[in-house]
Protein backbone atom coordinates (compact mmCIF):
# COMPACT_ATOMS: atom_id res chain seq x y z
CA MET A 1 84.09 -2.51 -22.00
CA ILE A 2 80.51 -2.49 -20.76
CA GLY A 3 80.75 -2.40 -17.01
CA PRO A 4 78.13 -2.43 -14.27
CA ARG A 5 77.82 1.38 -14.52
CA PRO A 6 76.36 2.00 -17.97
CA TRP A 7 74.22 4.83 -16.68
CA SER A 8 77.08 7.33 -17.11
CA LEU A 9 76.62 6.80 -20.85
CA LEU A 10 72.92 7.38 -20.46
CA ALA A 11 73.59 10.63 -18.61
CA ALA A 12 75.59 11.76 -21.62
CA ALA A 13 72.65 10.81 -23.87
CA LEU A 14 70.29 12.89 -21.69
CA VAL A 15 72.60 15.91 -21.97
CA ALA A 16 72.69 15.48 -25.74
CA ALA A 17 68.92 15.13 -25.87
CA HIS A 18 68.54 18.32 -23.83
CA ALA A 19 70.78 20.18 -26.27
CA ALA A 20 68.90 18.74 -29.25
CA ALA A 21 65.58 19.89 -27.80
CA ALA A 22 66.80 23.47 -27.83
CA GLN A 23 67.12 23.25 -31.61
CA ALA A 24 64.21 20.97 -32.60
CA GLN A 25 60.68 20.84 -31.22
CA PRO A 26 59.43 17.22 -31.01
CA ALA A 27 56.31 16.51 -33.02
CA ALA A 28 53.17 15.28 -31.29
CA THR A 29 53.38 11.54 -30.57
CA PRO A 30 50.67 9.45 -32.27
CA LEU A 31 48.46 7.45 -29.92
CA ALA A 32 48.56 4.33 -32.12
CA VAL A 33 51.76 2.34 -31.59
CA THR A 34 52.03 1.34 -35.26
CA ARG A 35 52.04 5.03 -36.26
CA ARG A 36 54.93 6.09 -34.03
CA PRO A 37 58.44 6.75 -35.37
CA LEU A 38 61.02 3.96 -35.19
CA VAL A 39 63.68 6.43 -34.00
CA ILE A 40 62.62 8.62 -31.11
CA GLU A 41 62.69 12.36 -31.85
CA PRO A 42 65.36 14.66 -30.40
CA GLY A 43 64.34 16.14 -27.08
CA ARG A 44 62.35 13.07 -26.01
CA CYS A 45 63.19 10.00 -23.96
CA GLU A 46 61.30 6.71 -23.67
CA ALA A 47 61.61 4.98 -20.31
CA THR A 48 60.37 1.40 -19.87
CA LEU A 49 60.30 -0.84 -16.81
CA VAL A 50 59.84 -4.55 -17.57
CA ILE A 51 59.02 -7.25 -15.02
CA GLU A 52 60.30 -10.54 -16.44
CA SER A 53 59.52 -14.00 -15.12
CA ASN A 54 60.60 -17.49 -16.05
CA GLU A 55 57.50 -19.68 -16.41
CA SER A 56 59.29 -22.87 -17.44
CA ALA A 57 58.23 -26.26 -16.13
CA ARG A 58 59.54 -26.85 -12.58
CA ARG A 59 61.22 -23.40 -12.58
CA ARG A 60 58.27 -21.07 -12.35
CA PHE A 61 59.25 -17.60 -11.10
CA GLU A 62 62.93 -18.65 -11.10
CA PRO A 63 64.00 -15.97 -11.75
CA ILE A 64 61.94 -12.79 -11.56
CA SER A 65 63.74 -9.63 -12.61
CA LEU A 66 63.24 -5.89 -13.05
CA ALA A 67 64.73 -4.71 -16.34
CA PRO A 68 64.78 -0.94 -17.03
CA ASP A 69 65.27 0.44 -20.56
CA LEU A 70 65.82 4.03 -21.62
CA HIS A 71 66.19 5.54 -25.12
CA CYS A 72 66.72 9.22 -25.89
CA GLY A 73 66.67 11.14 -29.16
CA VAL A 74 69.97 13.04 -29.43
CA HIS A 75 69.80 14.11 -33.09
CA PRO A 76 67.08 14.18 -35.78
CA ARG A 77 68.52 10.91 -37.10
CA LEU A 78 70.04 9.33 -33.97
CA ALA A 79 68.73 7.80 -30.74
CA LEU A 80 70.84 6.22 -27.99
CA GLY A 81 69.79 3.93 -25.19
CA VAL A 82 70.84 1.73 -22.30
CA THR A 83 68.71 -1.38 -21.96
CA HIS A 84 68.39 -4.55 -19.88
CA SER A 85 65.23 -6.34 -20.96
CA ALA A 86 64.92 -9.31 -23.30
CA ARG A 87 62.21 -7.32 -25.07
CA SER A 88 64.72 -4.62 -26.02
CA LEU A 89 66.93 -7.28 -27.65
CA SER A 90 63.95 -8.83 -29.51
CA LEU A 91 64.26 -11.99 -27.40
CA ILE A 92 61.91 -14.10 -25.29
CA ASP A 93 63.79 -14.52 -22.01
CA SER A 94 64.03 -13.36 -18.38
CA GLY A 95 66.55 -12.72 -15.63
CA ASP A 96 68.55 -9.67 -16.76
CA GLY A 97 68.66 -6.34 -14.99
CA LEU A 98 67.98 -6.55 -11.26
CA CYS A 99 67.22 -10.13 -10.24
CA LEU A 100 64.84 -10.40 -7.28
CA ARG A 101 64.84 -14.03 -6.12
CA GLY A 102 68.42 -14.66 -5.02
CA ALA A 103 70.63 -17.65 -5.81
CA ASP A 104 67.97 -20.15 -4.68
CA GLY A 105 65.40 -18.48 -6.95
CA GLY A 106 67.31 -18.76 -10.21
CA CYS A 107 69.45 -15.60 -9.93
CA SER A 108 73.08 -16.29 -10.73
CA HIS A 109 73.82 -12.58 -10.13
CA VAL A 110 71.96 -9.71 -8.48
CA TYR A 111 72.61 -7.52 -11.53
CA ASP A 112 73.44 -8.79 -15.01
CA GLY A 113 72.97 -8.13 -18.70
CA THR A 114 73.30 -4.64 -20.21
CA ALA A 115 73.18 -3.24 -23.73
CA ILE A 116 74.07 0.08 -25.31
CA ASP A 117 71.74 0.65 -28.26
CA ALA A 118 72.16 3.07 -31.19
CA LEU A 119 69.52 3.66 -33.87
CA THR A 120 70.14 5.78 -36.97
CA LYS A 121 67.16 6.81 -39.06
CA ILE A 122 67.34 5.99 -42.76
CA ARG A 123 63.66 6.28 -43.74
CA ASP A 124 61.01 7.15 -41.19
CA GLN A 125 58.30 9.67 -42.09
CA PRO A 126 54.71 9.71 -40.75
CA ASP A 127 53.21 9.44 -44.25
CA GLN A 128 55.42 6.50 -45.30
CA ASP A 129 54.37 2.87 -44.85
CA VAL A 130 57.97 1.62 -44.83
CA ALA A 131 60.38 2.79 -42.09
CA VAL A 132 64.03 1.73 -41.83
CA ALA A 133 66.77 2.42 -39.27
CA ALA A 134 70.30 1.08 -38.98
CA ARG A 135 70.98 -0.46 -35.58
CA ALA A 136 74.07 -1.34 -33.53
CA ARG A 137 74.16 -2.74 -30.02
CA LEU A 138 77.06 -3.41 -27.67
CA VAL A 139 75.75 -6.12 -25.35
CA ALA A 140 77.11 -7.71 -22.19
CA ALA A 141 74.98 -10.83 -21.89
CA SER A 142 76.85 -11.74 -18.71
CA TYR A 143 79.46 -10.13 -16.47
CA SER A 144 80.76 -13.31 -14.86
CA PRO A 145 81.98 -14.77 -17.10
CA PHE A 146 82.14 -11.60 -19.19
CA LYS A 147 80.32 -12.19 -22.50
CA PRO A 148 80.32 -9.05 -24.67
CA SER A 149 79.07 -8.99 -28.24
CA LEU A 150 78.60 -6.48 -31.02
CA ARG A 151 75.22 -6.79 -32.73
CA VAL A 152 74.72 -4.97 -36.02
CA GLY A 153 71.67 -4.93 -38.26
CA ALA A 154 68.54 -2.93 -38.96
CA LEU A 155 65.08 -2.17 -37.64
CA VAL A 156 62.39 -2.28 -40.35
CA ARG A 157 58.64 -1.70 -40.20
CA VAL A 158 56.23 -2.29 -43.07
CA ARG A 159 52.73 -0.95 -42.46
CA ARG A 160 49.46 -1.41 -44.32
CA GLY A 161 46.41 0.14 -42.74
CA SER A 162 46.06 -1.19 -39.19
CA VAL A 163 48.55 -4.04 -39.75
CA ALA A 164 52.33 -3.77 -39.41
CA VAL A 165 55.30 -6.14 -39.56
CA VAL A 166 58.46 -5.23 -37.65
CA LEU A 167 61.80 -6.96 -38.31
CA ASP A 168 64.99 -6.60 -36.26
CA PRO A 169 67.54 -8.72 -38.22
CA HIS A 170 71.09 -8.63 -36.88
CA LEU A 171 74.38 -10.48 -36.62
CA ALA A 172 75.99 -10.88 -33.20
CA PHE A 173 79.78 -11.14 -33.02
CA GLY A 174 81.21 -12.55 -29.79
CA LEU A 175 84.05 -10.35 -28.53
CA ALA A 176 85.24 -12.52 -25.62
CA SER A 177 84.53 -15.85 -23.89
CA ARG A 178 83.81 -17.51 -27.23
CA ASP A 179 84.87 -20.84 -25.68
CA ARG A 180 82.13 -20.34 -23.07
CA GLY A 181 79.25 -20.08 -25.53
CA ASN A 182 79.57 -16.46 -26.65
CA ARG A 183 79.78 -17.34 -30.33
CA ASP A 184 78.66 -15.51 -33.47
CA GLN A 185 74.90 -15.68 -34.04
CA LEU A 186 72.26 -14.77 -36.58
CA ASN A 187 68.94 -13.50 -35.24
CA ILE A 188 65.97 -12.53 -37.43
CA PRO A 189 63.11 -11.52 -35.10
CA LEU A 190 59.73 -10.81 -36.64
CA VAL A 191 56.74 -9.20 -34.96
CA GLY A 192 53.30 -8.90 -36.54
CA GLN A 193 51.11 -6.13 -35.12
CA VAL A 194 47.40 -5.42 -35.47
CA GLN A 195 46.19 -2.04 -34.26
CA ILE A 196 42.69 -2.42 -32.77
CA GLY A 197 41.50 1.14 -32.54
CA PRO A 198 43.99 3.83 -31.52
CA ARG A 199 44.68 2.47 -28.02
CA VAL A 200 45.25 -1.29 -28.35
CA VAL A 201 47.78 -3.25 -30.39
CA VAL A 202 48.00 -7.05 -30.48
CA SER A 203 51.29 -8.65 -31.50
CA LEU A 204 52.58 -12.07 -32.54
CA ARG A 205 56.33 -12.68 -32.23
CA SER A 206 58.41 -15.25 -34.11
CA GLY A 207 61.55 -15.42 -36.29
CA VAL A 208 64.65 -17.59 -36.25
CA ARG A 209 67.97 -17.48 -34.39
CA GLY A 210 71.03 -19.63 -33.86
CA GLU A 211 74.82 -19.85 -33.84
CA LEU A 212 76.31 -19.42 -37.29
CA VAL A 213 78.54 -22.52 -37.20
CA THR A 214 75.69 -24.86 -36.22
CA PHE A 215 72.73 -22.91 -37.61
CA ALA A 216 71.28 -25.66 -39.81
CA ASP A 217 71.34 -28.21 -36.98
CA ALA A 218 70.45 -26.07 -33.98
CA PHE A 219 68.39 -23.04 -35.02
CA ALA A 220 65.46 -22.04 -32.83
CA VAL A 221 62.10 -20.54 -33.78
CA PRO A 222 60.50 -18.56 -30.93
CA VAL A 223 56.75 -18.04 -30.70
CA GLY A 224 55.14 -15.42 -28.51
CA ALA A 225 52.13 -13.13 -28.27
CA GLY A 226 51.34 -9.90 -26.50
CA VAL A 227 48.96 -7.00 -26.11
CA GLU A 228 49.65 -3.34 -25.37
CA PHE A 229 47.26 -0.66 -24.17
CA SER A 230 47.98 3.06 -24.59
CA PRO A 231 45.80 5.18 -22.28
CA SER A 232 47.56 8.28 -23.67
CA PRO A 233 50.32 9.08 -26.20
CA VAL A 234 52.92 9.07 -23.39
CA TRP A 235 51.87 5.91 -21.49
CA ASP A 236 51.89 2.26 -22.64
CA ILE A 237 51.09 -0.83 -20.58
CA GLY A 238 51.78 -4.24 -22.07
CA PHE A 239 51.94 -7.98 -21.48
CA GLU A 240 53.87 -10.57 -23.49
CA ALA A 241 54.44 -14.32 -23.12
CA GLY A 242 56.20 -16.84 -25.29
CA PHE A 243 58.40 -19.83 -25.95
CA PRO A 244 62.02 -19.13 -27.01
CA ARG A 245 62.47 -22.54 -28.72
CA LEU A 246 59.01 -23.79 -29.58
CA LEU A 247 60.06 -24.88 -33.09
CA GLY A 248 63.34 -26.02 -34.61
CA PRO A 249 65.64 -29.06 -34.35
CA GLN A 250 65.94 -28.75 -30.54
CA ASN A 251 62.43 -27.53 -29.84
CA THR A 252 60.76 -27.60 -26.43
CA PHE A 253 57.49 -26.26 -25.05
CA ARG A 254 58.72 -26.54 -21.45
CA GLU A 255 60.80 -23.34 -21.66
CA ARG A 256 58.63 -20.24 -21.48
CA HIS A 257 58.78 -16.67 -20.19
CA LEU A 258 56.47 -13.73 -19.65
CA GLY A 259 56.92 -10.01 -19.24
CA LEU A 260 54.88 -7.02 -18.06
CA HIS A 261 56.02 -3.56 -19.07
CA VAL A 262 55.14 0.08 -18.49
CA THR A 263 56.52 2.76 -20.81
CA TYR A 264 56.54 6.52 -20.31
CA LEU A 265 57.51 9.03 -23.00
CA LEU A 266 59.08 12.10 -21.46
CA ARG A 267 60.67 15.32 -22.59
CA ALA A 268 64.39 15.62 -21.90
CA ALA A 269 64.12 19.41 -21.88
CA PRO A 270 61.59 22.11 -21.00
CA PRO A 271 59.14 23.03 -23.77
CA PRO A 272 60.22 25.82 -26.17
CA SER A 273 59.68 29.38 -24.93
CA HIS A 274 56.67 30.04 -27.20
CA GLU A 275 54.90 27.00 -25.69
CA ARG A 276 55.49 28.30 -22.16
CA LEU A 277 54.12 31.71 -23.15
CA SER A 278 50.99 30.10 -24.60
CA SER A 279 50.52 28.12 -21.39
CA ASP A 280 50.86 31.27 -19.28
CA ASP A 281 48.33 33.15 -21.43
CA SER A 282 45.73 30.40 -20.92
CA ARG A 283 45.75 30.73 -17.14
């Protein structure tokens, strides 16, 4: 069961990442986002803080939430994470994590929505234009009522020059509260990326999602856009806005969300001894 204390699992991931770093030295992180590995290397962690806001008609800023995400490399082929943001689930939404506006500001709970994320590298080398990772998430979309789901699929990136397409197709299987809307779903998110120089990437988000039993009659096509600036290989600052149901049988342009995020790539362990010696010699 995913409870309101998922960070104990993250602590275990940090310990594993620390142990992995003793055996494998992480490679230098490329500055360009489209050139980075899909699965974070062992010994590194990627921490992201997302500010999410509902911008829908008559519900602007209801809610506003802070959604932290953290992924750590624990093995050359495995990364684990604990996430809260809609961005980490390849969705356009807001309100999960720590909600800031209270019940009158669109927050049904102070804290809600958690996912445990596992990525296993299948194909992901710097000189390859196609990268593939298997992905499994255990998601609690809500704690009251409790709505857990298992989401299994893949993360795929196809790159050509400065252009990349990232797909995150997955099936979500409702594990409880199916009579309260937690039904099986198909989600095929698609993000197109254009790298403008090494520091800026512009993205366009779309795809299709819906419940399996009513997919043909009620699927939704989201549309969003964003930009991300990387002042260094370890810092990213980004903005994204979009419509979760702009196209499809039940489309609406009145529902919209935006997000601002800051990402920091950190080492989960001290640098190898030979790096420390080199640093000391340069003083």
